[in-house]
Protein backbone atom coordinates (compact mmCIF):
# COMPACT_ATOMS: atom_id res chain seq x y z
CA MET A 1 -18.93 -21.65 143.06
CA ILE A 2 -20.83 -19.54 140.45
CA ASP A 3 -19.97 -18.56 137.39
CA LEU A 4 -19.33 -14.70 137.09
CA SER A 5 -16.85 -13.37 133.81
CA PRO A 6 -13.89 -12.07 134.64
CA ALA A 7 -14.97 -8.27 134.59
CA SER A 8 -17.82 -9.67 137.06
CA GLN A 9 -15.15 -10.83 139.51
CA LYS A 10 -12.98 -7.87 139.40
CA LEU A 11 -16.11 -5.75 140.42
CA LEU A 12 -17.21 -8.18 143.10
CA ARG A 13 -13.25 -7.80 144.32
CA GLU A 14 -13.45 -4.14 144.10
CA LEU A 15 -16.84 -4.04 145.80
CA ALA A 16 -15.93 -5.67 148.14
CA ARG A 17 -12.77 -3.87 149.43
CA ARG A 18 -14.29 -0.34 149.05
CA ASP A 19 -17.94 -1.47 150.88
CA GLY A 20 -17.00 -0.96 154.84
CA GLY A 21 -21.15 -1.55 155.72
CA ALA A 22 -22.44 1.52 153.91
CA GLY A 23 -22.24 0.45 150.36
CA VAL A 24 -20.46 2.20 147.60
CA ALA A 25 -21.60 5.14 145.24
CA VAL A 26 -21.98 4.25 141.76
CA ARG A 27 -20.77 6.78 139.39
CA TYR A 28 -21.27 7.11 135.74
CA ALA A 29 -18.17 7.21 133.74
CA GLY A 30 -18.86 8.02 130.41
CA ARG A 31 -19.36 5.73 127.06
CA GLY A 32 -21.55 3.25 129.17
CA ARG A 33 -19.35 2.68 131.98
CA TRP A 34 -19.63 3.38 135.49
CA ARG A 35 -17.27 3.20 138.40
CA LEU A 36 -17.48 2.71 142.19
CA ASP A 37 -16.82 5.63 143.61
CA GLY A 38 -12.84 6.10 144.85
CA SER A 39 -11.99 4.02 141.76
CA SER A 40 -10.48 4.76 138.35
CA THR A 41 -11.47 1.81 137.41
CA ALA A 42 -14.30 1.91 135.06
CA PHE A 43 -16.81 -1.46 134.42
CA ASN A 44 -19.37 -1.89 131.30
CA ARG A 45 -22.81 -1.87 131.91
CA GLY A 46 -23.58 -5.20 131.36
CA THR A 47 -21.15 -6.27 134.44
CA PHE A 48 -23.24 -5.19 137.13
CA PRO A 49 -26.43 -7.56 136.40
CA SER A 50 -24.28 -11.08 137.19
CA LEU A 51 -23.87 -9.70 140.36
CA PHE A 52 -27.49 -8.80 141.12
CA GLU A 53 -28.86 -12.12 139.40
CA ALA A 54 -26.61 -14.17 141.64
CA ASP A 55 -27.73 -12.18 144.87
CA LEU A 56 -24.06 -11.34 145.91
CA ALA A 57 -24.81 -7.54 145.92
CA VAL A 58 -27.87 -5.45 146.48
CA GLY A 59 -28.83 -1.24 146.83
CA TRP A 60 -28.05 0.22 142.94
CA ASP A 61 -29.90 0.40 139.74
CA GLU A 62 -28.28 2.28 137.06
CA TYR A 63 -32.46 3.81 136.18
CA ASP A 64 -33.21 4.29 139.23
CA ASP A 65 -30.46 5.12 141.97
CA ASP A 66 -31.59 3.20 145.18
CA GLY A 67 -28.68 4.61 146.56
CA PRO A 68 -25.56 3.13 147.23
CA MET A 69 -24.03 -0.69 145.97
CA ARG A 70 -23.75 -3.03 148.79
CA VAL A 71 -21.96 -6.21 148.61
CA THR A 72 -24.60 -9.15 150.45
CA GLU A 73 -22.39 -11.81 152.69
CA ALA A 74 -22.66 -13.91 150.06
CA GLY A 75 -20.16 -11.65 147.88
CA ARG A 76 -18.06 -10.97 149.98
CA LYS A 77 -17.24 -15.10 150.91
CA LEU A 78 -16.99 -15.05 146.83
CA ALA A 79 -15.12 -12.56 147.13
CA ALA A 80 -12.62 -13.69 149.67
CA GLU A 81 -12.25 -16.81 147.45
CA LEU A 82 -11.37 -14.56 144.47
CA GLU A 83 -8.77 -12.42 146.07
CA ALA A 84 -7.02 -15.46 147.12
CA GLN A 85 -7.12 -17.23 143.20
CA HIS A 86 -5.84 -14.04 142.60
CA GLN A 87 -3.19 -13.53 144.73
CA THR A 88 -2.36 -16.81 143.84
CA GLN A 89 -2.33 -16.26 140.38
CA GLN A 90 -0.22 -12.88 140.95
CA ALA A 91 2.34 -14.82 142.70
CA ALA A 92 2.86 -17.41 140.38
CA ARG A 93 3.31 -14.98 137.24
CA LYS A 94 7.24 -14.94 135.95
CA PRO A 95 8.45 -11.53 136.40
CA ARG A 96 9.46 -9.50 133.07
CA SER A 97 13.16 -9.85 133.05
CA LYS A 98 14.95 -6.35 133.19
CA PRO A 99 16.78 -5.62 129.59
CA SER A 100 20.43 -6.44 129.48
CA ALA A 101 23.25 -4.73 127.52
CA GLU A 102 24.49 -8.07 126.16
CA GLY A 103 21.26 -8.87 124.20
CA ALA A 104 20.63 -8.61 120.58
CA THR A 105 18.65 -5.52 120.06
CA ALA A 106 21.07 -3.56 123.31
CA LEU A 107 24.25 -4.67 119.89
CA ARG A 108 22.14 -2.97 117.34
CA LEU A 109 21.53 -0.10 119.31
CA LEU A 110 25.03 -0.05 120.26
CA ARG A 111 25.98 -0.44 116.17
CA GLU A 112 23.46 2.05 115.43
CA ILE A 113 24.98 4.86 117.78
CA ALA A 114 28.28 4.25 117.19
CA LYS A 115 27.43 4.77 113.29
CA HIS A 116 25.79 7.95 114.32
CA ASP A 117 28.08 8.92 117.46
CA GLY A 118 27.05 12.05 118.87
CA SER A 119 23.85 12.29 117.11
CA LEU A 120 20.73 13.28 119.13
CA VAL A 121 18.42 10.82 120.47
CA TYR A 122 14.44 11.57 120.37
CA ASP A 123 11.99 10.46 123.13
CA ASP A 124 8.58 9.01 121.20
CA GLY A 125 6.83 10.94 124.53
CA LEU A 126 3.94 8.08 124.24
CA ARG A 127 5.61 4.54 124.26
CA ARG A 128 8.92 4.85 126.24
CA VAL A 129 10.91 4.41 122.73
CA TRP A 130 13.88 6.61 121.89
CA ARG A 131 14.87 6.85 118.78
CA VAL A 132 18.55 7.51 116.67
CA ALA A 133 18.33 10.91 114.87
CA SER A 134 19.29 8.97 111.56
CA ARG A 135 17.83 8.10 108.41
CA ASP A 136 16.22 4.72 109.78
CA GLY A 137 15.66 6.40 112.94
CA HIS A 138 16.15 3.34 114.99
CA ARG A 139 13.90 2.69 118.39
CA ALA A 140 14.62 0.88 121.09
CA SER A 141 12.75 1.16 124.86
CA ILE A 142 14.45 3.32 127.19
CA GLY A 143 15.37 0.24 129.37
CA ILE A 144 17.67 -1.01 127.00
CA TRP A 145 19.13 2.99 126.49
CA VAL A 146 19.76 2.81 130.25
CA ALA A 147 20.88 -0.52 130.39
CA LEU A 148 23.65 0.40 127.73
CA GLU A 149 25.05 3.44 130.23
CA GLN A 150 24.59 1.32 132.89
CA ALA A 151 26.97 -0.87 131.45
CA GLY A 152 29.02 1.87 130.41
CA TYR A 153 29.03 1.27 126.48
CA ILE A 154 27.12 4.90 125.72
CA ARG A 155 27.09 8.16 127.37
CA THR A 156 23.98 10.41 127.17
CA ASP A 157 24.02 13.93 127.47
CA ARG A 158 20.91 16.54 127.96
CA VAL A 159 21.55 18.99 125.03
CA SER A 160 18.15 20.72 125.47
CA SER A 161 15.67 21.38 127.96
CA ILE A 162 13.06 20.46 125.42
CA GLY A 163 13.63 16.66 125.64
CA GLY A 164 17.22 16.28 123.42
CA ASN A 165 19.79 13.72 124.41
CA ARG A 166 23.36 13.45 122.12
CA ALA A 167 24.56 9.67 122.72
CA THR A 168 27.75 9.01 122.64
CA VAL A 169 29.89 5.21 122.41
CA THR A 170 32.77 5.21 125.34
CA ALA A 171 35.83 3.29 124.85
CA LEU A 172 34.45 0.05 126.43
CA GLY A 173 31.67 0.26 124.09
CA ARG A 174 34.20 0.35 121.35
CA GLN A 175 35.76 -2.77 122.90
CA ARG A 176 32.27 -4.38 123.08
CA LEU A 177 31.70 -3.88 119.23
CA ALA A 178 34.84 -5.20 118.50
CA ALA A 179 34.87 -8.60 120.33
């Protein structure tokens, strides 16, 4: 098997997926990166030469547009092998566990909400994190807030169209804290 960098392997798989025989146009994406037409993935300029050197792709050159980039038969075979390996690796990945209302982070958040019961909750806006409006501004992922609410430990009410929520601890949540 030909030794390709992970980025070159991804480019070859993407090219084989998109090339229906007529080739795929390559577009400049800025900052020395290029993308295949119809793809949102940008590849560094250094990713392309290894495919041409190994005769896995033909056609396109960034300095002299020779038309669309095409995958060769050898490239198509290698892409099929790489895609099978990729699928096997993805299937073997352990799925991320869902946030639990019984975890240490969730219980600490529940204590913070109880300390500042009825306080506002603010959305970070960038990282899918909410924080309690308190001095320390305890933060937790939105998934943990949702897990606490689904378990019946807290209730969040929307109080502002700008994004403010009010969090209160329910009776079940107070029982959980006392236990």
